[in-house]
Amino acid sequence: MAGRLSHVASRIMGGNGVVQRSVASSLRQRSGMGLPVGKHLVPDKPLPVDDELVWDNGTPFPEPCIDRIADTVGKYEALAWLCGGLSCFAGLGLLAVWNDKASTIPFAPKVYPYDNLRVELGGEP
């Protein structure tokens, strides 16, 4: 089929057959690698009800798709972990707002010459 498709593409592109031969040979050989997951087997009988829950890649021991190794976390425990994590971020944000010295002085203090204009602003000469 790849040969037929490359032949059609070569005819559309106006090629002289060189493209067809190179594409056909590369698609046919695939550098000796073959397909990434092996041959696709077309089922010839009805599939079991839970067929999508089993990963069968052709090995003698098919695996379940859902890992049942670890215990699952309940919804209230997950809610507690979520609230704990979000409260840590909220506490960090409040600490940053409380410790923000730049918000108390929103501009840089100006520095004037002559001892910061001490005499000109009414200071002792």
C-alpha atoms as a PDB file:
ATOM      1  CA  MET A   1       0.000   0.000   0.000  1.00  0.00           C
ATOM      2  CA  ALA A   2       2.875   2.362   0.728  1.00  0.00           C
ATOM      3  CA  GLY A   3       4.191   1.661  -2.742  1.00  0.00           C
ATOM      4  CA  ARG A   4       0.849   2.537  -4.290  1.00  0.00           C
ATOM      5  CA  LEU A   5       0.578   5.735  -2.247  1.00  0.00           C
ATOM      6  CA  SER A   6       4.101   6.815  -3.147  1.00  0.00           C
ATOM      7  CA  HIS A   7       3.353   6.024  -6.790  1.00  0.00           C
ATOM      8  CA  VAL A   8       0.277   8.263  -6.677  1.00  0.00           C
ATOM      9  CA  ALA A   9       2.238  11.002  -4.889  1.00  0.00           C
ATOM     10  CA  SER A  10       4.993  10.737  -7.476  1.00  0.00           C
ATOM     11  CA  ARG A  11       2.478  11.086 -10.303  1.00  0.00           C
ATOM     12  CA  ILE A  12       0.859  14.104  -8.636  1.00  0.00           C
ATOM     13  CA  MET A  13       4.215  15.786  -8.078  1.00  0.00           C
ATOM     14  CA  GLY A  14       5.220  15.074 -11.666  1.00  0.00           C
ATOM     15  CA  GLY A  15       8.173  12.901 -10.744  1.00  0.00           C
ATOM     16  CA  ASN A  16       9.962  10.513 -13.050  1.00  0.00           C
ATOM     17  CA  GLY A  17       9.907   7.489 -10.746  1.00  0.00           C
ATOM     18  CA  VAL A  18      13.032   8.237  -8.669  1.00  0.00           C
ATOM     19  CA  VAL A  19      10.938   9.542  -5.801  1.00  0.00           C
ATOM     20  CA  GLN A  20       8.681   6.534  -6.086  1.00  0.00           C
ATOM     21  CA  ARG A  21      11.528   4.052  -5.865  1.00  0.00           C
ATOM     22  CA  SER A  22      13.257   5.796  -2.975  1.00  0.00           C
ATOM     23  CA  VAL A  23      10.082   6.251  -0.916  1.00  0.00           C
ATOM     24  CA  ALA A  24       8.882   2.726  -1.636  1.00  0.00           C
ATOM     25  CA  SER A  25      12.170   1.141  -0.612  1.00  0.00           C
ATOM     26  CA  SER A  26      12.460   3.215   2.564  1.00  0.00           C
ATOM     27  CA  LEU A  27       8.892   2.510   3.594  1.00  0.00           C
ATOM     28  CA  ARG A  28       9.240  -1.176   2.817  1.00  0.00           C
ATOM     29  CA  GLN A  29      12.428  -1.720   4.777  1.00  0.00           C
ATOM     30  CA  ARG A  30      12.038   0.819   7.640  1.00  0.00           C
ATOM     31  CA  SER A  31      15.761   0.405   8.239  1.00  0.00           C
ATOM     32  CA  GLY A  32      15.139  -3.105   9.490  1.00  0.00           C
ATOM     33  CA  MET A  33      13.183  -1.850  12.500  1.00  0.00           C
ATOM     34  CA  GLY A  34       9.681  -2.962  11.617  1.00  0.00           C
ATOM     35  CA  LEU A  35       6.575  -1.473  13.155  1.00  0.00           C
ATOM     36  CA  PRO A  36       6.958   0.076  16.627  1.00  0.00           C
ATOM     37  CA  VAL A  37       4.470  -2.228  18.391  1.00  0.00           C
ATOM     38  CA  GLY A  38       4.537  -5.372  16.317  1.00  0.00           C
ATOM     39  CA  LYS A  39       1.894  -6.639  13.929  1.00  0.00           C
ATOM     40  CA  HIS A  40      -1.628  -5.392  14.317  1.00  0.00           C
ATOM     41  CA  LEU A  41      -3.944  -8.342  14.862  1.00  0.00           C
ATOM     42  CA  VAL A  42      -7.475  -7.871  13.624  1.00  0.00           C
ATOM     43  CA  PRO A  43      -9.953  -9.640  15.940  1.00  0.00           C
ATOM     44  CA  ASP A  44     -11.960 -12.373  14.253  1.00  0.00           C
ATOM     45  CA  LYS A  45     -14.400 -12.960  17.141  1.00  0.00           C
ATOM     46  CA  PRO A  46     -16.191 -10.629  19.592  1.00  0.00           C
ATOM     47  CA  LEU A  47     -13.944  -9.045  22.201  1.00  0.00           C
ATOM     48  CA  PRO A  48     -14.482  -9.671  25.914  1.00  0.00           C
ATOM     49  CA  VAL A  49     -16.402  -7.035  27.858  1.00  0.00           C
ATOM     50  CA  ASP A  50     -13.351  -5.703  29.762  1.00  0.00           C
ATOM     51  CA  ASP A  51     -10.882  -5.985  26.888  1.00  0.00           C
ATOM     52  CA  GLU A  52      -9.813  -2.312  27.108  1.00  0.00           C
ATOM     53  CA  LEU A  53      -8.658  -2.847  30.707  1.00  0.00           C
ATOM     54  CA  VAL A  54      -5.910  -5.332  29.734  1.00  0.00           C
ATOM     55  CA  TRP A  55      -2.654  -4.337  28.036  1.00  0.00           C
ATOM     56  CA  ASP A  56      -1.806  -7.226  25.741  1.00  0.00           C
ATOM     57  CA  ASN A  57       1.257  -6.449  23.665  1.00  0.00           C
ATOM     58  CA  GLY A  58       1.843 -10.016  22.543  1.00  0.00           C
ATOM     59  CA  THR A  59       3.834 -11.216  25.546  1.00  0.00           C
ATOM     60  CA  PRO A  60       2.738 -14.387  27.361  1.00  0.00           C
ATOM     61  CA  PHE A  61       1.683 -12.363  30.433  1.00  0.00           C
ATOM     62  CA  PRO A  62      -0.769  -9.527  29.639  1.00  0.00           C
ATOM     63  CA  GLU A  63      -0.891  -6.750  32.236  1.00  0.00           C
ATOM     64  CA  PRO A  64      -3.815  -4.766  33.622  1.00  0.00           C
ATOM     65  CA  CYS A  65      -3.946  -1.177  32.393  1.00  0.00           C
ATOM     66  CA  ILE A  66      -4.865   0.162  35.833  1.00  0.00           C
ATOM     67  CA  ASP A  67      -2.130  -0.366  38.403  1.00  0.00           C
ATOM     68  CA  ARG A  68      -3.525  -1.960  41.526  1.00  0.00           C
ATOM     69  CA  ILE A  69      -0.236  -1.921  43.420  1.00  0.00           C
ATOM     70  CA  ALA A  70      -0.703   1.226  45.509  1.00  0.00           C
ATOM     71  CA  ASP A  71      -3.664   1.971  47.727  1.00  0.00           C
ATOM     72  CA  THR A  72      -5.890   4.715  46.474  1.00  0.00           C
ATOM     73  CA  VAL A  73      -6.424   7.906  48.439  1.00  0.00           C
ATOM     74  CA  GLY A  74      -9.922   8.669  49.680  1.00  0.00           C
ATOM     75  CA  LYS A  75     -11.643  11.879  48.693  1.00  0.00           C
ATOM     76  CA  TYR A  76     -11.535  13.406  52.176  1.00  0.00           C
ATOM     77  CA  GLU A  77      -7.846  12.580  52.598  1.00  0.00           C
ATOM     78  CA  ALA A  78      -7.167  14.114  49.183  1.00  0.00           C
ATOM     79  CA  LEU A  79      -9.172  17.194  50.203  1.00  0.00           C
ATOM     80  CA  ALA A  80      -7.097  17.486  53.389  1.00  0.00           C
ATOM     81  CA  TRP A  81      -3.830  17.266  51.432  1.00  0.00           C
ATOM     82  CA  LEU A  82      -5.088  19.838  48.915  1.00  0.00           C
ATOM     83  CA  CYS A  83      -6.173  22.279  51.626  1.00  0.00           C
ATOM     84  CA  GLY A  84      -2.877  21.780  53.472  1.00  0.00           C
ATOM     85  CA  GLY A  85      -0.837  22.497  50.362  1.00  0.00           C
ATOM     86  CA  LEU A  86      -2.877  25.539  49.404  1.00  0.00           C
ATOM     87  CA  SER A  87      -2.666  26.890  52.954  1.00  0.00           C
ATOM     88  CA  CYS A  88       1.131  26.597  52.813  1.00  0.00           C
ATOM     89  CA  PHE A  89       1.134  28.710  49.638  1.00  0.00           C
ATOM     90  CA  ALA A  90      -1.299  31.198  51.191  1.00  0.00           C
ATOM     91  CA  GLY A  91       0.866  31.440  54.319  1.00  0.00           C
ATOM     92  CA  LEU A  92       3.940  32.058  52.204  1.00  0.00           C
ATOM     93  CA  GLY A  93       2.100  34.783  50.281  1.00  0.00           C
ATOM     94  CA  LEU A  94       0.908  36.468  53.485  1.00  0.00           C
ATOM     95  CA  LEU A  95       4.435  36.321  54.892  1.00  0.00           C
ATOM     96  CA  ALA A  96       5.737  38.002  51.731  1.00  0.00           C
ATOM     97  CA  VAL A  97       3.094  40.750  51.975  1.00  0.00           C
ATOM     98  CA  TRP A  98       3.801  41.304  55.683  1.00  0.00           C
ATOM     99  CA  ASN A  99       7.582  41.440  55.152  1.00  0.00           C
ATOM    100  CA  ASP A 100       7.442  43.678  52.036  1.00  0.00           C
ATOM    101  CA  LYS A 101       9.525  46.744  52.842  1.00  0.00           C
ATOM    102  CA  ALA A 102       9.262  48.139  49.310  1.00  0.00           C
ATOM    103  CA  SER A 103       5.528  48.775  49.692  1.00  0.00           C
ATOM    104  CA  THR A 104       6.104  51.108  52.687  1.00  0.00           C
ATOM    105  CA  ILE A 105       8.514  53.258  50.643  1.00  0.00           C
ATOM    106  CA  PRO A 106       7.207  53.117  47.060  1.00  0.00           C
ATOM    107  CA  PHE A 107       9.940  55.381  45.692  1.00  0.00           C
ATOM    108  CA  ALA A 108      13.674  55.631  46.172  1.00  0.00           C
ATOM    109  CA  PRO A 109      14.749  58.330  48.646  1.00  0.00           C
ATOM    110  CA  LYS A 110      16.337  61.286  46.906  1.00  0.00           C
ATOM    111  CA  VAL A 111      19.899  62.156  47.801  1.00  0.00           C
ATOM    112  CA  TYR A 112      20.851  65.818  47.455  1.00  0.00           C
ATOM    113  CA  PRO A 113      24.328  67.350  47.516  1.00  0.00           C
ATOM    114  CA  TYR A 114      25.742  69.447  50.361  1.00  0.00           C
ATOM    115  CA  ASP A 115      24.912  67.016  53.123  1.00  0.00           C
ATOM    116  CA  ASN A 116      21.475  66.403  51.716  1.00  0.00           C
ATOM    117  CA  LEU A 117      20.690  70.191  51.692  1.00  0.00           C
ATOM    118  CA  ARG A 118      20.747  70.313  55.441  1.00  0.00           C
ATOM    119  CA  VAL A 119      21.382  74.092  55.682  1.00  0.00           C
ATOM    120  CA  GLU A 120      19.050  74.998  52.779  1.00  0.00           C
ATOM    121  CA  LEU A 121      16.175  73.110  54.385  1.00  0.00           C
ATOM    122  CA  GLY A 122      16.511  75.051  57.652  1.00  0.00           C
ATOM    123  CA  GLY A 123      19.142  73.035  59.449  1.00  0.00           C
ATOM    124  CA  GLU A 124      21.942  74.428  61.650  1.00  0.00           C
ATOM    125  CA  PRO A 125      24.906  75.799  59.544  1.00  0.00           C
END
